[in-house]
Amino acid sequence: MRSVRDEVITLFWMAALAVFLSWLLNAWHWGGWLLVLVISLRWLLGLWMAENWLRSGGRRLNALWAGPLADFLYAVSRLLMRERKQSQQLLGRARYFKNAAEALPEGVLAVDSQGYIAWFNQGAMRLLGLRRRNRGQAVERVLRLPDVLALLSGEISGPIELESPVSAGRVIELELTPFLQGHRLVMIRDITAFKRNDAVRRDFVANASHELRTPLTVMQGYVETMLDTPGCHHDVWHKPLQQMHNQAERMRKIVEDMLMLSTLEGTDHRLKQDVVAVPELLAQIAQEAIQLSGVRHHQIHLVCETQAGLLGHEEYLRSAFTNLVSNAVRYTPDEGCIDIRWWQDEQGLHLSVCDSGIGIAPEHLPRIMERFYRVDSARSRATGGTGLGLAITRHVLERHNALLQVESALGKGSCFSCHFAHNADL
């Protein structure tokens, strides 16, 4: 590679040679023209070599080392080599991630901001029936599935489940993830096995619960008969018989809650829609809460700011509301306050059950709606809880397109709020 210093030295010697020839021939004007001619030819040769170098893709640079543009073209060549190396590295990484995405068992579908299919992997081809020729086509022309189009358009926010269009009996789940600006990534999962296992679990719970009801009823009947029968053995066996009766009653409640939860979790279950007079229902639940409180003398207040009702399933709504109120009674100290409020605003209808009880620690809040999850197992069993109440409440509210909100602080009580978006005026 020539440096600027080398080029200056070359021009100096060329000028010296021109002066020498002018002195030798005694023709000074010819020396200047000769110098200009030689420099012009040198630069023209350099430009010609640069053109050849550019036409060759910047790979034959050695022929230019003697030219005046060698330094510049050498720097450009180094830059091109570095860019070419980085491009090869990026291309290798792109191939790596593409192969990794192709190997995913889940389907991946990328849709650009204009609604055209940008890319998809083998999983999407297997689950949605896509073909390679579909790349670059409008998604609504390829996937004629209303739920999928609603998901892509933003009409549906959460994951959707539907039957695979290419495999009868296969259930798939689609989840949308936005990326870049206006681009969308759709993850497609095969959840057939999960749905099958979930159905088996629900059937087992339902069948086991049904089978347990008969022996529990028989045992409870005999225990109650023995407790009501006077005799000399009454004083000796009263305590164990009473414990047997309490445990049998607790098992009966668990069986009933398991049956209801299994029914609510059924995918094919449809709720019977009736107009439910919520103020009257809450008045009955409040009276039951007073009886449950008994000698603990809780201060239970019911405030109905509206007489509007709900369109839904009365039995399930009663169970959900009763679970919230009974939990407040169980976990509130004696003579504590429990406030039940039913009101309406522009967002819809709302129910809140607030207490001055023991409260819930922050680490327990994300899991309190799981089945059989207890913050305090000993206290829950002592108060007769089954561990399924909040799970049932959550499923009931989901069936009614409602939201359950929980606010609680340890030692300061809890407030459970149900938010309904629809109503039926009575």
Protein backbone atom coordinates (compact mmCIF):
# COMPACT_ATOMS: atom_id res chain seq x y z
CA MET A 1 0.00 0.00 0.00
CA ARG A 2 1.34 3.43 -0.97
CA SER A 3 1.27 6.28 1.48
CA VAL A 4 0.81 10.01 0.77
CA ARG A 5 4.53 10.51 1.41
CA ASP A 6 5.40 7.96 -1.28
CA GLU A 7 3.13 9.73 -3.77
CA VAL A 8 4.74 13.12 -3.01
CA ILE A 9 8.22 11.64 -3.51
CA THR A 10 7.12 10.12 -6.83
CA LEU A 11 5.75 13.46 -8.03
CA PHE A 12 9.01 15.18 -6.92
CA TRP A 13 11.18 12.80 -8.96
CA MET A 14 8.88 13.15 -11.96
CA ALA A 15 9.21 16.92 -11.76
CA ALA A 16 13.00 16.64 -11.39
CA LEU A 17 13.14 14.40 -14.46
CA ALA A 18 11.09 16.90 -16.44
CA VAL A 19 13.42 19.77 -15.40
CA PHE A 20 16.47 17.68 -16.34
CA LEU A 21 15.08 16.86 -19.78
CA SER A 22 14.13 20.51 -20.36
CA TRP A 23 17.70 21.59 -19.47
CA LEU A 24 19.21 18.82 -21.59
CA LEU A 25 17.10 19.68 -24.65
CA ASN A 26 17.16 23.41 -23.91
CA ALA A 27 13.35 23.45 -24.26
CA TRP A 28 11.84 24.52 -20.95
CA HIS A 29 8.25 24.73 -22.17
CA TRP A 30 8.30 21.10 -23.29
CA GLY A 31 9.31 20.01 -19.79
CA GLY A 32 6.15 21.46 -18.22
CA TRP A 33 3.90 19.90 -20.81
CA LEU A 34 5.69 16.57 -20.38
CA LEU A 35 5.13 16.71 -16.60
CA VAL A 36 1.41 17.46 -17.05
CA LEU A 37 1.10 14.66 -19.61
CA VAL A 38 2.78 12.09 -17.38
CA ILE A 39 0.67 13.03 -14.33
CA SER A 40 -2.55 12.96 -16.39
CA LEU A 41 -1.68 9.56 -17.85
CA ARG A 42 -0.88 8.28 -14.38
CA TRP A 43 -4.27 9.41 -12.98
CA LEU A 44 -6.14 8.14 -16.04
CA LEU A 45 -4.46 4.78 -15.55
CA GLY A 46 -5.45 4.85 -11.89
CA LEU A 47 -9.08 5.64 -12.75
CA TRP A 48 -9.13 2.84 -15.32
CA MET A 49 -7.76 0.41 -12.76
CA ALA A 50 -10.29 1.64 -10.18
CA GLU A 51 -13.11 0.98 -12.64
CA ASN A 52 -11.85 -2.55 -13.25
CA TRP A 53 -11.53 -3.04 -9.51
CA LEU A 54 -15.13 -1.92 -8.93
CA ARG A 55 -16.40 -4.14 -11.76
CA SER A 56 -14.61 -7.12 -10.22
CA GLY A 57 -16.44 -6.58 -6.92
CA GLY A 58 -13.48 -5.11 -5.08
CA ARG A 59 -11.50 -8.37 -5.08
CA ARG A 60 -8.52 -7.60 -7.38
CA LEU A 61 -6.72 -4.79 -5.62
CA ASN A 62 -3.07 -5.80 -6.15
CA ALA A 63 -3.01 -4.30 -9.66
CA LEU A 64 -3.75 -0.88 -8.17
CA TRP A 65 -0.92 -0.69 -5.70
CA ALA A 66 1.14 1.39 -8.10
CA GLY A 67 -1.74 3.75 -8.89
CA PRO A 68 -2.38 7.12 -7.22
CA LEU A 69 -5.79 5.90 -5.91
CA ALA A 70 -4.33 2.82 -4.22
CA ASP A 71 -4.55 4.26 -0.69
CA PHE A 72 -8.18 5.25 -1.08
CA LEU A 73 -9.22 1.99 -2.73
CA TYR A 74 -7.27 -0.06 -0.23
CA ALA A 75 -9.18 1.59 2.63
CA VAL A 76 -12.45 0.96 0.80
CA SER A 77 -11.38 -2.65 0.26
CA ARG A 78 -10.70 -3.12 3.95
CA LEU A 79 -14.11 -1.64 4.77
CA LEU A 80 -15.82 -3.94 2.26
CA MET A 81 -14.00 -6.97 3.65
CA ARG A 82 -15.09 -6.06 7.17
CA GLU A 83 -18.67 -5.50 6.05
CA ARG A 84 -18.64 -8.77 4.11
CA LYS A 85 -17.35 -10.63 7.17
CA GLN A 86 -20.01 -9.10 9.40
CA SER A 87 -22.68 -9.91 6.82
CA GLN A 88 -21.55 -13.54 6.77
CA GLN A 89 -21.66 -13.66 10.57
CA LEU A 90 -25.15 -12.14 10.63
CA LEU A 91 -26.27 -14.52 7.91
CA GLY A 92 -24.93 -17.44 9.93
CA ARG A 93 -26.76 -16.27 13.03
CA ALA A 94 -29.94 -15.75 11.01
CA ARG A 95 -29.67 -19.31 9.66
CA TYR A 96 -29.08 -20.58 13.20
CA PHE A 97 -32.18 -18.91 14.64
CA LYS A 98 -34.23 -19.85 11.59
CA ASN A 99 -33.27 -23.50 12.02
CA ALA A 100 -34.06 -23.24 15.74
CA ALA A 101 -37.50 -21.77 14.95
CA GLU A 102 -38.10 -24.49 12.37
CA ALA A 103 -37.28 -27.14 14.99
CA LEU A 104 -39.85 -25.80 17.47
CA PRO A 105 -42.78 -28.18 18.04
CA GLU A 106 -45.04 -25.12 18.29
CA GLY A 107 -46.08 -23.21 15.22
CA VAL A 108 -44.79 -19.69 14.62
CA LEU A 109 -46.48 -17.29 12.19
CA ALA A 110 -45.18 -13.77 11.48
CA VAL A 111 -47.53 -11.19 9.95
CA ASP A 112 -46.22 -7.80 8.82
CA SER A 113 -47.80 -4.41 9.40
CA GLN A 114 -49.68 -4.60 6.07
CA GLY A 115 -51.38 -7.88 6.97
CA TYR A 116 -49.22 -10.11 4.77
CA ILE A 117 -47.66 -13.38 5.89
CA ALA A 118 -43.94 -12.74 6.31
CA TRP A 119 -42.76 -16.12 7.58
CA PHE A 120 -43.88 -19.33 9.29
CA ASN A 121 -42.21 -22.55 10.41
CA GLN A 122 -42.95 -26.24 9.97
CA GLY A 123 -45.16 -26.28 13.07
CA ALA A 124 -47.48 -23.68 11.55
CA MET A 125 -47.63 -25.70 8.34
CA ARG A 126 -48.57 -28.82 10.30
CA LEU A 127 -51.16 -27.17 12.60
CA LEU A 128 -52.72 -24.60 10.26
CA GLY A 129 -52.20 -26.25 6.89
CA LEU A 130 -50.02 -23.45 5.50
CA ARG A 131 -47.91 -23.96 2.35
CA ARG A 132 -44.67 -22.28 1.31
CA ARG A 133 -46.48 -20.52 -1.53
CA ASN A 134 -48.58 -18.71 1.11
CA ARG A 135 -45.64 -16.52 2.13
CA GLY A 136 -46.22 -12.99 0.98
CA GLN A 137 -49.98 -13.45 0.68
CA ALA A 138 -52.63 -11.58 2.66
CA VAL A 139 -53.43 -13.44 5.86
CA GLU A 140 -57.21 -13.11 5.44
CA ARG A 141 -56.99 -14.87 2.07
CA VAL A 142 -55.02 -17.78 3.51
CA LEU A 143 -56.59 -18.25 6.96
CA ARG A 144 -60.35 -18.05 6.58
CA LEU A 145 -60.95 -18.53 10.31
CA PRO A 146 -63.02 -15.78 12.00
CA ASP A 147 -61.45 -16.29 15.43
CA VAL A 148 -57.91 -16.06 14.03
CA LEU A 149 -58.71 -12.90 12.07
CA ALA A 150 -60.34 -11.40 15.16
CA LEU A 151 -57.19 -12.18 17.15
CA LEU A 152 -54.95 -10.55 14.53
CA SER A 153 -57.18 -7.47 14.32
CA GLY A 154 -57.16 -7.00 18.09
CA GLU A 155 -60.86 -7.75 18.62
CA ILE A 156 -59.82 -10.65 20.89
CA SER A 157 -57.07 -9.91 23.39
CA GLY A 158 -56.37 -13.28 24.99
CA PRO A 159 -55.35 -16.68 23.61
CA ILE A 160 -57.99 -18.51 21.59
CA GLU A 161 -58.70 -22.21 21.25
CA LEU A 162 -60.10 -23.84 18.14
CA GLU A 163 -60.03 -27.08 16.20
CA SER A 164 -57.17 -27.43 13.73
CA PRO A 165 -58.41 -26.77 10.17
CA VAL A 166 -56.31 -29.65 8.82
CA SER A 167 -56.74 -32.30 11.55
CA ALA A 168 -60.15 -33.17 12.95
CA GLY A 169 -60.13 -33.67 16.71
CA ARG A 170 -56.89 -31.73 17.24
CA VAL A 171 -57.28 -28.66 19.48
CA ILE A 172 -54.85 -25.78 19.01
CA GLU A 173 -54.24 -22.59 20.97
CA LEU A 174 -53.20 -19.33 19.30
CA GLU A 175 -51.58 -16.46 21.18
CA LEU A 176 -50.67 -13.08 19.66
CA THR A 177 -47.48 -11.15 20.49
CA PRO A 178 -46.86 -7.75 18.85
CA PHE A 179 -43.28 -6.88 17.83
CA LEU A 180 -41.52 -4.09 15.92
CA GLN A 181 -44.06 -1.53 14.68
CA GLY A 182 -47.33 -3.07 13.61
CA HIS A 183 -45.89 -6.55 13.11
CA ARG A 184 -47.46 -9.53 14.88
CA LEU A 185 -46.19 -12.93 15.93
CA VAL A 186 -48.68 -15.76 16.42
CA MET A 187 -47.70 -18.78 18.52
CA ILE A 188 -49.66 -21.96 17.71
CA ARG A 189 -49.65 -24.80 20.25
CA ASP A 190 -51.16 -28.26 20.09
CA ILE A 191 -53.11 -28.63 23.35
CA THR A 192 -55.00 -31.80 22.41
CA ALA A 193 -53.19 -33.92 25.01
CA PHE A 194 -53.70 -31.27 27.68
CA LYS A 195 -57.41 -31.04 26.91
CA ARG A 196 -57.71 -34.83 26.95
CA ASN A 197 -55.91 -35.11 30.30
CA ASP A 198 -57.99 -32.26 31.70
CA ALA A 199 -61.18 -34.03 30.61
CA VAL A 200 -59.97 -37.27 32.22
CA ARG A 201 -59.20 -35.40 35.44
CA ARG A 202 -62.60 -33.72 35.49
CA ASP A 203 -64.36 -37.02 34.80
CA PHE A 204 -62.39 -38.72 37.57
CA VAL A 205 -63.19 -35.96 40.07
CA ALA A 206 -66.85 -35.96 39.09
CA ASN A 207 -67.18 -39.76 39.24
CA ALA A 208 -65.23 -40.03 42.49
CA SER A 209 -67.33 -37.28 44.03
CA HIS A 210 -70.56 -38.96 42.94
CA GLU A 211 -69.38 -42.28 44.37
CA LEU A 212 -68.44 -40.65 47.68
CA ARG A 213 -71.80 -38.98 48.19
CA THR A 214 -73.68 -42.20 48.95
CA PRO A 215 -71.36 -43.63 51.67
CA LEU A 216 -71.00 -40.18 53.22
CA THR A 217 -74.76 -39.77 53.36
CA VAL A 218 -75.13 -43.20 54.99
CA MET A 219 -72.37 -42.54 57.52
CA GLN A 220 -73.74 -39.11 58.36
CA GLY A 221 -77.24 -40.52 58.80
CA TYR A 222 -76.11 -43.23 61.20
CA VAL A 223 -73.96 -40.79 63.18
CA GLU A 224 -76.85 -38.35 63.52
CA THR A 225 -79.14 -41.19 64.65
CA MET A 226 -76.65 -42.31 67.28
CA LEU A 227 -76.22 -38.73 68.52
CA ASP A 228 -79.99 -38.31 68.87
CA THR A 229 -80.48 -41.67 70.61
CA PRO A 230 -80.40 -41.39 74.43
CA GLY A 231 -78.71 -44.08 76.51
CA CYS A 232 -75.98 -44.86 78.97
CA HIS A 233 -73.36 -44.88 76.24
CA HIS A 234 -74.26 -41.34 75.18
CA ASP A 235 -71.83 -39.58 77.52
CA VAL A 236 -68.94 -41.86 76.51
CA TRP A 237 -69.43 -41.71 72.73
CA HIS A 238 -70.86 -38.23 72.33
CA LYS A 239 -67.50 -36.51 71.66
CA PRO A 240 -66.16 -39.01 69.06
CA LEU A 241 -69.58 -39.20 67.40
CA GLN A 242 -69.74 -35.41 67.21
CA GLN A 243 -66.25 -35.31 65.64
CA MET A 244 -67.29 -37.98 63.13
CA HIS A 245 -70.39 -35.93 62.30
CA ASN A 246 -68.32 -32.75 61.81
CA GLN A 247 -65.79 -34.47 59.56
CA ALA A 248 -68.53 -36.15 57.54
CA GLU A 249 -70.21 -32.76 57.06
CA ARG A 250 -66.90 -31.26 55.99
CA MET A 251 -66.37 -34.09 53.49
CA ARG A 252 -69.87 -33.54 52.15
CA LYS A 253 -69.09 -29.87 51.52
CA ILE A 254 -65.83 -30.77 49.78
CA VAL A 255 -67.63 -33.29 47.54
CA GLU A 256 -70.30 -30.73 46.62
CA ASP A 257 -67.67 -28.08 45.86
CA MET A 258 -65.65 -30.55 43.76
CA LEU A 259 -68.76 -31.46 41.77
CA MET A 260 -69.60 -27.80 41.16
CA LEU A 261 -66.01 -26.95 40.20
CA SER A 262 -65.86 -29.93 37.82
CA THR A 263 -69.09 -28.76 36.19
CA LEU A 264 -67.85 -25.19 35.84
CA GLU A 265 -64.59 -26.32 34.28
CA GLY A 266 -66.41 -28.38 31.64
CA THR A 267 -65.69 -26.94 28.20
CA ASP A 268 -69.09 -27.90 26.80
CA HIS A 269 -71.06 -26.61 29.76
CA ARG A 270 -73.44 -23.73 29.00
CA LEU A 271 -75.00 -21.58 31.69
CA LYS A 272 -78.73 -21.19 31.92
CA GLN A 273 -79.46 -17.50 31.50
CA ASP A 274 -82.10 -16.11 33.89
CA VAL A 275 -82.70 -12.72 35.44
CA VAL A 276 -81.28 -12.88 38.97
CA ALA A 277 -82.57 -10.42 41.59
CA VAL A 278 -79.19 -9.72 43.18
CA PRO A 279 -80.42 -7.42 46.04
CA GLU A 280 -82.82 -10.12 47.27
CA LEU A 281 -80.12 -12.77 46.86
CA LEU A 282 -77.62 -10.71 48.87
CA ALA A 283 -80.22 -10.15 51.61
CA GLN A 284 -80.59 -13.93 52.00
CA ILE A 285 -76.80 -14.42 52.01
CA ALA A 286 -76.41 -11.71 54.65
CA GLN A 287 -78.94 -13.47 56.92
CA GLU A 288 -77.06 -16.75 56.45
CA ALA A 289 -73.82 -14.96 57.34
CA ILE A 290 -75.38 -13.68 60.58
CA GLN A 291 -76.34 -17.26 61.47
CA LEU A 292 -72.84 -18.48 60.56
CA SER A 293 -71.31 -15.78 62.76
CA GLY A 294 -73.40 -16.89 65.77
CA VAL A 295 -71.81 -16.04 69.08
CA ARG A 296 -68.91 -14.25 67.36
CA HIS A 297 -71.23 -11.27 66.84
CA HIS A 298 -69.82 -9.87 63.62
CA GLN A 299 -71.21 -6.54 62.42
CA ILE A 300 -72.53 -7.41 58.97
CA HIS A 301 -73.80 -4.49 56.88
CA LEU A 302 -75.51 -4.81 53.50
CA VAL A 303 -75.90 -1.75 51.26
CA CYS A 304 -77.70 -2.07 47.91
CA GLU A 305 -77.36 1.22 46.02
CA THR A 306 -79.22 -0.16 42.99
CA GLN A 307 -82.03 -2.63 42.44
CA ALA A 308 -80.58 -3.80 39.12
CA GLY A 309 -80.16 -7.54 38.65
CA LEU A 310 -77.92 -9.78 36.58
CA LEU A 311 -78.52 -12.07 33.65
CA GLY A 312 -76.95 -15.36 34.65
CA HIS A 313 -77.18 -18.61 36.59
CA GLU A 314 -78.70 -17.97 40.03
CA GLU A 315 -77.35 -21.12 41.71
CA TYR A 316 -73.78 -20.42 40.63
CA LEU A 317 -73.98 -16.72 41.49
CA ARG A 318 -75.35 -17.63 44.93
CA SER A 319 -72.42 -20.01 45.44
CA ALA A 320 -69.86 -17.38 44.37
CA PHE A 321 -71.31 -14.62 46.55
CA THR A 322 -71.78 -16.98 49.51
CA ASN A 323 -68.13 -18.07 49.30
CA LEU A 324 -66.95 -14.45 49.51
CA VAL A 325 -69.20 -13.59 52.45
CA SER A 326 -68.54 -16.83 54.38
CA ASN A 327 -64.78 -16.37 53.93
CA ALA A 328 -65.10 -12.90 55.40
CA VAL A 329 -66.94 -14.35 58.41
CA ARG A 330 -64.39 -17.13 58.92
CA TYR A 331 -61.32 -14.91 58.75
CA THR A 332 -62.61 -11.88 60.67
CA PRO A 333 -62.06 -11.75 64.45
CA ASP A 334 -65.02 -11.68 66.82
CA GLU A 335 -67.16 -8.52 66.62
CA GLY A 336 -65.34 -7.48 63.43
CA CYS A 337 -66.98 -5.58 60.58
CA ILE A 338 -68.09 -7.04 57.24
CA ASP A 339 -69.47 -4.65 54.61
CA ILE A 340 -71.38 -5.96 51.58
CA ARG A 341 -72.04 -3.37 48.85
CA TRP A 342 -73.92 -3.67 45.55
CA TRP A 343 -73.75 -0.66 43.23
CA GLN A 344 -73.83 0.44 39.59
CA ASP A 345 -71.86 2.95 37.50
CA GLU A 346 -71.05 3.58 33.84
CA GLN A 347 -68.75 0.52 33.74
CA GLY A 348 -71.46 -1.88 34.93
CA LEU A 349 -72.54 -3.57 38.16
CA HIS A 350 -70.25 -4.22 41.10
CA LEU A 351 -70.25 -6.25 44.32
CA SER A 352 -67.71 -5.74 47.09
CA VAL A 353 -67.25 -7.77 50.27
CA CYS A 354 -64.84 -6.02 52.65
CA ASP A 355 -63.84 -7.15 56.12
CA SER A 356 -61.63 -6.09 59.01
CA GLY A 357 -60.07 -9.53 59.28
CA ILE A 358 -56.55 -10.89 59.42
CA GLY A 359 -55.74 -9.94 55.80
CA ILE A 360 -53.59 -11.77 53.28
CA ALA A 361 -49.82 -11.44 52.87
CA PRO A 362 -48.68 -10.21 49.42
CA GLU A 363 -46.88 -13.48 48.62
CA HIS A 364 -50.16 -15.41 48.92
CA LEU A 365 -52.34 -13.13 46.77
CA PRO A 366 -51.35 -14.61 43.37
CA ARG A 367 -52.34 -18.14 44.49
CA ILE A 368 -55.42 -17.71 46.68
CA MET A 369 -57.74 -18.67 43.79
CA GLU A 370 -56.04 -22.01 43.19
CA ARG A 371 -58.01 -25.06 44.23
CA PHE A 372 -57.13 -26.38 47.73
CA TYR A 373 -54.67 -23.52 48.32
CA ARG A 374 -54.88 -22.24 51.89
CA VAL A 375 -53.04 -19.33 53.42
CA ASP A 376 -53.43 -20.91 56.87
CA SER A 377 -54.31 -24.60 56.58
CA ALA A 378 -54.99 -25.13 60.30
CA ARG A 379 -57.28 -22.10 60.54
CA SER A 380 -59.11 -23.03 57.32
CA ARG A 381 -59.88 -26.54 58.56
CA ALA A 382 -60.89 -25.24 61.99
CA THR A 383 -63.39 -22.83 60.42
CA GLY A 384 -64.79 -25.42 58.02
CA GLY A 385 -63.26 -24.18 54.78
CA THR A 386 -62.84 -26.57 51.86
CA GLY A 387 -60.12 -24.68 49.99
CA LEU A 388 -62.29 -24.56 46.83
CA GLY A 389 -64.44 -21.50 47.47
CA LEU A 390 -62.37 -18.88 45.67
CA ALA A 391 -61.63 -21.27 42.78
CA ILE A 392 -65.39 -21.75 42.33
CA THR A 393 -65.97 -17.99 42.57
CA ARG A 394 -63.36 -17.29 39.91
CA HIS A 395 -64.88 -19.82 37.50
CA VAL A 396 -68.41 -18.53 38.11
CA LEU A 397 -67.34 -14.97 37.37
CA GLU A 398 -65.49 -16.07 34.24
CA ARG A 399 -68.67 -17.77 33.05
CA HIS A 400 -70.48 -14.47 33.55
CA ASN A 401 -67.75 -12.40 31.82
CA ALA A 402 -66.94 -10.74 35.13
CA LEU A 403 -63.69 -9.87 36.89
CA LEU A 404 -62.64 -10.62 40.48
CA GLN A 405 -60.37 -8.06 42.11
CA VAL A 406 -58.64 -8.59 45.47
CA GLU A 407 -57.18 -5.91 47.73
CA SER A 408 -55.70 -6.98 51.05
CA ALA A 409 -53.09 -6.03 53.60
CA LEU A 410 -51.83 -8.25 56.39
CA GLY A 411 -53.60 -7.34 59.63
CA LYS A 412 -55.84 -4.75 57.95
CA GLY A 413 -58.50 -6.87 56.31
CA SER A 414 -59.43 -7.78 52.74
CA CYS A 415 -61.78 -6.52 50.05
CA PHE A 416 -63.05 -8.79 47.25
CA SER A 417 -64.78 -6.99 44.35
CA CYS A 418 -66.77 -8.51 41.48
CA HIS A 419 -67.17 -6.36 38.37
CA PHE A 420 -69.95 -7.21 35.88
CA ALA A 421 -70.20 -5.49 32.53
CA HIS A 422 -73.89 -6.29 31.90
CA ASN A 423 -77.12 -6.09 33.88
CA ALA A 424 -80.85 -6.65 33.73
CA ASP A 425 -83.05 -3.97 35.24
CA LEU A 426 -85.86 -5.32 37.39
